[in-house]
């Protein structure tokens, strides 16, 4: 059996949270640890520990990043991201699970600032609307305003798969 610490790629568990009564809105976090955090909103979740199944990682990150304990539902997307030599980041197979719809008023608790850090890991949790419509109220925040294009593609493909009871197989947000 191979040593999991010597893996050539990473696994992650991410969750798709949709807003009850607002089927075009998804819950995302805004991390402080990336370049241009204002335009890097992404799904809740993160890397699995060595030997940890992605579904378990998704539940762990959901609780740590939002304070929410929600049932981890069906796998709706697999998104492969390539290694990045310039950062030393290994390739990653992202497993995206549907956790359903969150009712308005359910509190989301971001993690506190870690000791010795100037900023918390996450700046915010927010609801972003997938697409623009003339009927949207003023002040609506859109996915394209706050996420990288490939993150937006990943999120849209995940919503589509959740809505059609299918599985999206992606490469950096684009269907294979």
C-alpha atoms as a PDB file:
ATOM      1  CA  UNK A   1       0.000   0.000   0.000  1.00  0.00           C
ATOM      2  CA  UNK A   2       1.331   3.435  -0.868  1.00  0.00           C
ATOM      3  CA  UNK A   3       2.149   6.063   1.728  1.00  0.00           C
ATOM      4  CA  UNK A   4      -0.673   8.685   1.636  1.00  0.00           C
ATOM      5  CA  UNK A   5       1.802  11.430   2.545  1.00  0.00           C
ATOM      6  CA  UNK A   6       3.594  10.768  -0.772  1.00  0.00           C
ATOM      7  CA  UNK A   7       0.501  11.142  -2.973  1.00  0.00           C
ATOM      8  CA  UNK A   8       1.016  12.919  -6.275  1.00  0.00           C
ATOM      9  CA  UNK A   9      -2.337  14.698  -6.018  1.00  0.00           C
ATOM     10  CA  UNK A  10      -4.673  16.004  -3.358  1.00  0.00           C
ATOM     11  CA  UNK A  11      -8.307  15.222  -2.611  1.00  0.00           C
ATOM     12  CA  UNK A  12     -10.800  17.781  -1.380  1.00  0.00           C
ATOM     13  CA  UNK A  13     -14.366  17.821  -0.181  1.00  0.00           C
ATOM     14  CA  UNK A  14     -16.515  20.848  -1.051  1.00  0.00           C
ATOM     15  CA  UNK A  15     -20.193  21.558  -0.430  1.00  0.00           C
ATOM     16  CA  UNK A  16     -22.881  23.177  -2.519  1.00  0.00           C
ATOM     17  CA  UNK A  17     -25.220  25.208  -0.292  1.00  0.00           C
ATOM     18  CA  UNK A  18     -28.285  26.693  -1.953  1.00  0.00           C
ATOM     19  CA  UNK A  19     -30.532  29.332  -0.422  1.00  0.00           C
ATOM     20  CA  UNK A  20     -34.087  28.219   0.375  1.00  0.00           C
ATOM     21  CA  UNK A  21     -36.623  30.214  -1.604  1.00  0.00           C
ATOM     22  CA  UNK A  22     -33.881  31.587  -3.862  1.00  0.00           C
ATOM     23  CA  UNK A  23     -32.883  28.761  -6.225  1.00  0.00           C
ATOM     24  CA  UNK A  24     -30.440  30.996  -8.143  1.00  0.00           C
ATOM     25  CA  UNK A  25     -28.354  31.763  -5.033  1.00  0.00           C
ATOM     26  CA  UNK A  26     -25.437  29.763  -3.644  1.00  0.00           C
ATOM     27  CA  UNK A  27     -23.497  30.140  -0.407  1.00  0.00           C
ATOM     28  CA  UNK A  28     -19.783  30.828  -0.793  1.00  0.00           C
ATOM     29  CA  UNK A  29     -16.891  31.869   1.405  1.00  0.00           C
ATOM     30  CA  UNK A  30     -14.405  34.631   0.724  1.00  0.00           C
ATOM     31  CA  UNK A  31     -10.937  33.482   1.818  1.00  0.00           C
ATOM     32  CA  UNK A  32      -8.276  35.950   2.940  1.00  0.00           C
ATOM     33  CA  UNK A  33      -5.385  33.627   2.061  1.00  0.00           C
ATOM     34  CA  UNK A  34      -5.596  34.039  -1.743  1.00  0.00           C
ATOM     35  CA  UNK A  35      -4.492  36.794  -4.095  1.00  0.00           C
ATOM     36  CA  UNK A  36      -7.306  39.282  -4.666  1.00  0.00           C
ATOM     37  CA  UNK A  37      -9.660  37.846  -2.002  1.00  0.00           C
ATOM     38  CA  UNK A  38     -12.584  40.013  -3.113  1.00  0.00           C
ATOM     39  CA  UNK A  39     -12.703  38.163  -6.449  1.00  0.00           C
ATOM     40  CA  UNK A  40     -11.983  34.661  -5.167  1.00  0.00           C
ATOM     41  CA  UNK A  41     -15.212  33.553  -3.507  1.00  0.00           C
ATOM     42  CA  UNK A  42     -15.525  29.779  -3.578  1.00  0.00           C
ATOM     43  CA  UNK A  43     -17.529  26.853  -2.284  1.00  0.00           C
ATOM     44  CA  UNK A  44     -17.171  25.916   1.364  1.00  0.00           C
ATOM     45  CA  UNK A  45     -14.707  23.067   1.851  1.00  0.00           C
ATOM     46  CA  UNK A  46     -11.115  22.101   1.521  1.00  0.00           C
ATOM     47  CA  UNK A  47      -8.381  19.536   1.397  1.00  0.00           C
ATOM     48  CA  UNK A  48      -8.803  16.068   2.873  1.00  0.00           C
ATOM     49  CA  UNK A  49      -6.252  14.892   5.420  1.00  0.00           C
ATOM     50  CA  UNK A  50      -4.133  11.856   4.424  1.00  0.00           C
ATOM     51  CA  UNK A  51      -6.437   8.824   4.474  1.00  0.00           C
ATOM     52  CA  UNK A  52      -9.577  10.947   4.993  1.00  0.00           C
ATOM     53  CA  UNK A  53     -12.458  10.376   2.546  1.00  0.00           C
ATOM     54  CA  UNK A  54     -13.527  13.539   0.672  1.00  0.00           C
ATOM     55  CA  UNK A  55     -17.083  13.252   2.075  1.00  0.00           C
ATOM     56  CA  UNK A  56     -15.685  13.354   5.632  1.00  0.00           C
ATOM     57  CA  UNK A  57     -13.429  16.286   4.703  1.00  0.00           C
ATOM     58  CA  UNK A  58     -16.464  18.150   3.329  1.00  0.00           C
ATOM     59  CA  UNK A  59     -18.359  17.724   6.614  1.00  0.00           C
ATOM     60  CA  UNK A  60     -15.299  18.754   8.658  1.00  0.00           C
ATOM     61  CA  UNK A  61     -14.697  21.900   6.584  1.00  0.00           C
ATOM     62  CA  UNK A  62     -18.409  22.781   6.566  1.00  0.00           C
ATOM     63  CA  UNK A  63     -18.477  22.735  10.366  1.00  0.00           C
ATOM     64  CA  UNK A  64     -15.144  24.546  10.765  1.00  0.00           C
ATOM     65  CA  UNK A  65     -15.824  27.237   8.146  1.00  0.00           C
ATOM     66  CA  UNK A  66     -19.507  27.942   8.857  1.00  0.00           C
ATOM     67  CA  UNK A  67     -20.456  26.290  12.148  1.00  0.00           C
ATOM     68  CA  UNK A  68     -23.120  24.323  10.243  1.00  0.00           C
ATOM     69  CA  UNK A  69     -23.840  20.630  10.759  1.00  0.00           C
ATOM     70  CA  UNK A  70     -25.713  19.627   7.626  1.00  0.00           C
ATOM     71  CA  UNK A  71     -26.102  16.158   6.126  1.00  0.00           C
ATOM     72  CA  UNK A  72     -23.604  15.693   3.325  1.00  0.00           C
ATOM     73  CA  UNK A  73     -25.751  14.689   0.395  1.00  0.00           C
ATOM     74  CA  UNK A  74     -25.173  13.350  -3.064  1.00  0.00           C
ATOM     75  CA  UNK A  75     -21.940  13.829  -4.997  1.00  0.00           C
ATOM     76  CA  UNK A  76     -22.840  16.306  -7.766  1.00  0.00           C
ATOM     77  CA  UNK A  77     -19.454  17.108  -9.327  1.00  0.00           C
ATOM     78  CA  UNK A  78     -15.852  16.006  -9.635  1.00  0.00           C
ATOM     79  CA  UNK A  79     -13.503  18.807 -10.655  1.00  0.00           C
ATOM     80  CA  UNK A  80      -9.860  18.052 -11.417  1.00  0.00           C
ATOM     81  CA  UNK A  81      -7.396  20.930 -11.087  1.00  0.00           C
ATOM     82  CA  UNK A  82      -3.868  20.672 -12.437  1.00  0.00           C
ATOM     83  CA  UNK A  83      -0.680  21.001 -10.415  1.00  0.00           C
ATOM     84  CA  UNK A  84       0.831  24.481 -10.239  1.00  0.00           C
ATOM     85  CA  UNK A  85       4.597  24.288 -10.416  1.00  0.00           C
ATOM     86  CA  UNK A  86       5.052  27.983  -9.581  1.00  0.00           C
ATOM     87  CA  UNK A  87       3.374  27.472  -6.187  1.00  0.00           C
ATOM     88  CA  UNK A  88       4.305  23.832  -5.605  1.00  0.00           C
ATOM     89  CA  UNK A  89       0.620  22.976  -5.327  1.00  0.00           C
ATOM     90  CA  UNK A  90      -0.243  19.404  -6.277  1.00  0.00           C
ATOM     91  CA  UNK A  91      -3.054  18.512  -8.643  1.00  0.00           C
ATOM     92  CA  UNK A  92      -6.396  18.049  -6.901  1.00  0.00           C
ATOM     93  CA  UNK A  93      -9.552  16.000  -7.377  1.00  0.00           C
ATOM     94  CA  UNK A  94     -12.348  18.115  -5.880  1.00  0.00           C
ATOM     95  CA  UNK A  95     -15.465  16.217  -4.757  1.00  0.00           C
ATOM     96  CA  UNK A  96     -18.512  18.503  -4.564  1.00  0.00           C
ATOM     97  CA  UNK A  97     -21.478  17.367  -2.464  1.00  0.00           C
ATOM     98  CA  UNK A  98     -24.971  18.838  -2.370  1.00  0.00           C
ATOM     99  CA  UNK A  99     -26.083  19.757   1.150  1.00  0.00           C
ATOM    100  CA  UNK A 100     -29.403  21.153  -0.038  1.00  0.00           C
ATOM    101  CA  UNK A 101     -31.102  24.418   0.833  1.00  0.00           C
ATOM    102  CA  UNK A 102     -30.371  26.583   3.866  1.00  0.00           C
ATOM    103  CA  UNK A 103     -33.247  28.592   5.312  1.00  0.00           C
ATOM    104  CA  UNK A 104     -32.853  32.332   5.844  1.00  0.00           C
ATOM    105  CA  UNK A 105     -32.026  33.169   9.439  1.00  0.00           C
ATOM    106  CA  UNK A 106     -29.831  30.113  10.085  1.00  0.00           C
ATOM    107  CA  UNK A 107     -26.675  31.590  11.615  1.00  0.00           C
ATOM    108  CA  UNK A 108     -23.335  31.043   9.920  1.00  0.00           C
ATOM    109  CA  UNK A 109     -20.291  31.289  12.192  1.00  0.00           C
ATOM    110  CA  UNK A 110     -16.949  31.936  10.517  1.00  0.00           C
ATOM    111  CA  UNK A 111     -13.839  30.652  12.300  1.00  0.00           C
ATOM    112  CA  UNK A 112     -11.997  33.119  14.542  1.00  0.00           C
ATOM    113  CA  UNK A 113      -8.585  34.535  13.691  1.00  0.00           C
ATOM    114  CA  UNK A 114      -5.917  31.954  14.500  1.00  0.00           C
ATOM    115  CA  UNK A 115      -3.340  32.884  17.129  1.00  0.00           C
ATOM    116  CA  UNK A 116      -0.442  34.775  15.574  1.00  0.00           C
ATOM    117  CA  UNK A 117      -2.411  35.680  12.428  1.00  0.00           C
ATOM    118  CA  UNK A 118      -3.410  39.225  11.456  1.00  0.00           C
ATOM    119  CA  UNK A 119      -6.471  38.200   9.479  1.00  0.00           C
ATOM    120  CA  UNK A 120      -9.010  35.407   9.850  1.00  0.00           C
ATOM    121  CA  UNK A 121      -8.871  32.624   7.253  1.00  0.00           C
ATOM    122  CA  UNK A 122     -12.248  33.695   5.858  1.00  0.00           C
ATOM    123  CA  UNK A 123     -13.469  37.247   5.356  1.00  0.00           C
ATOM    124  CA  UNK A 124     -17.127  36.394   4.797  1.00  0.00           C
ATOM    125  CA  UNK A 125     -19.886  33.971   3.917  1.00  0.00           C
ATOM    126  CA  UNK A 126     -22.239  35.402   1.316  1.00  0.00           C
ATOM    127  CA  UNK A 127     -25.069  34.483  -1.003  1.00  0.00           C
ATOM    128  CA  UNK A 128     -24.242  35.039  -4.657  1.00  0.00           C
ATOM    129  CA  UNK A 129     -26.710  34.934  -7.534  1.00  0.00           C
ATOM    130  CA  UNK A 130     -25.763  32.680 -10.446  1.00  0.00           C
ATOM    131  CA  UNK A 131     -26.951  34.870 -13.330  1.00  0.00           C
ATOM    132  CA  UNK A 132     -28.246  38.365 -14.023  1.00  0.00           C
ATOM    133  CA  UNK A 133     -31.909  39.072 -14.663  1.00  0.00           C
ATOM    134  CA  UNK A 134     -33.701  42.370 -15.186  1.00  0.00           C
ATOM    135  CA  UNK A 135     -36.047  41.531 -12.302  1.00  0.00           C
ATOM    136  CA  UNK A 136     -33.193  41.301  -9.738  1.00  0.00           C
ATOM    137  CA  UNK A 137     -33.420  43.922  -6.989  1.00  0.00           C
ATOM    138  CA  UNK A 138     -30.755  46.632  -6.804  1.00  0.00           C
ATOM    139  CA  UNK A 139     -27.698  45.539  -4.843  1.00  0.00           C
ATOM    140  CA  UNK A 140     -27.876  41.892  -5.948  1.00  0.00           C
ATOM    141  CA  UNK A 141     -24.412  40.340  -5.765  1.00  0.00           C
ATOM    142  CA  UNK A 142     -23.501  38.037  -8.654  1.00  0.00           C
ATOM    143  CA  UNK A 143     -21.173  35.072  -8.852  1.00  0.00           C
ATOM    144  CA  UNK A 144     -19.210  36.638 -11.726  1.00  0.00           C
ATOM    145  CA  UNK A 145     -18.455  39.720  -9.609  1.00  0.00           C
ATOM    146  CA  UNK A 146     -16.820  37.794  -6.781  1.00  0.00           C
ATOM    147  CA  UNK A 147     -15.312  34.602  -8.180  1.00  0.00           C
ATOM    148  CA  UNK A 148     -12.735  33.547 -10.720  1.00  0.00           C
ATOM    149  CA  UNK A 149     -14.320  32.406 -14.016  1.00  0.00           C
ATOM    150  CA  UNK A 150     -13.375  28.755 -13.469  1.00  0.00           C
ATOM    151  CA  UNK A 151     -14.838  28.825  -9.931  1.00  0.00           C
ATOM    152  CA  UNK A 152     -18.063  30.231 -11.357  1.00  0.00           C
ATOM    153  CA  UNK A 153     -18.156  27.477 -13.983  1.00  0.00           C
ATOM    154  CA  UNK A 154     -17.599  24.848 -11.257  1.00  0.00           C
ATOM    155  CA  UNK A 155     -20.419  26.248  -9.153  1.00  0.00           C
ATOM    156  CA  UNK A 156     -22.866  26.515 -12.067  1.00  0.00           C
ATOM    157  CA  UNK A 157     -22.077  22.954 -13.198  1.00  0.00           C
ATOM    158  CA  UNK A 158     -22.630  21.734  -9.626  1.00  0.00           C
ATOM    159  CA  UNK A 159     -26.009  23.478  -9.398  1.00  0.00           C
ATOM    160  CA  UNK A 160     -27.032  22.074 -12.787  1.00  0.00           C
ATOM    161  CA  UNK A 161     -26.024  18.549 -11.690  1.00  0.00           C
ATOM    162  CA  UNK A 162     -27.919  18.929  -8.410  1.00  0.00           C
ATOM    163  CA  UNK A 163     -31.021  20.129 -10.271  1.00  0.00           C
ATOM    164  CA  UNK A 164     -30.908  17.313 -12.852  1.00  0.00           C
ATOM    165  CA  UNK A 165     -29.846  14.479 -10.535  1.00  0.00           C
ATOM    166  CA  UNK A 166     -26.661  13.985 -12.550  1.00  0.00           C
ATOM    167  CA  UNK A 167     -22.899  14.092 -11.961  1.00  0.00           C
ATOM    168  CA  UNK A 168     -20.704  16.769 -13.555  1.00  0.00           C
ATOM    169  CA  UNK A 169     -17.188  15.691 -14.451  1.00  0.00           C
ATOM    170  CA  UNK A 170     -15.034  18.805 -14.810  1.00  0.00           C
ATOM    171  CA  UNK A 171     -11.510  19.977 -15.481  1.00  0.00           C
ATOM    172  CA  UNK A 172     -10.993  23.328 -13.755  1.00  0.00           C
ATOM    173  CA  UNK A 173     -14.714  24.056 -14.019  1.00  0.00           C
ATOM    174  CA  UNK A 174     -15.129  22.993 -17.664  1.00  0.00           C
ATOM    175  CA  UNK A 175     -16.940  19.755 -18.581  1.00  0.00           C
ATOM    176  CA  UNK A 176     -14.640  17.081 -20.021  1.00  0.00           C
END
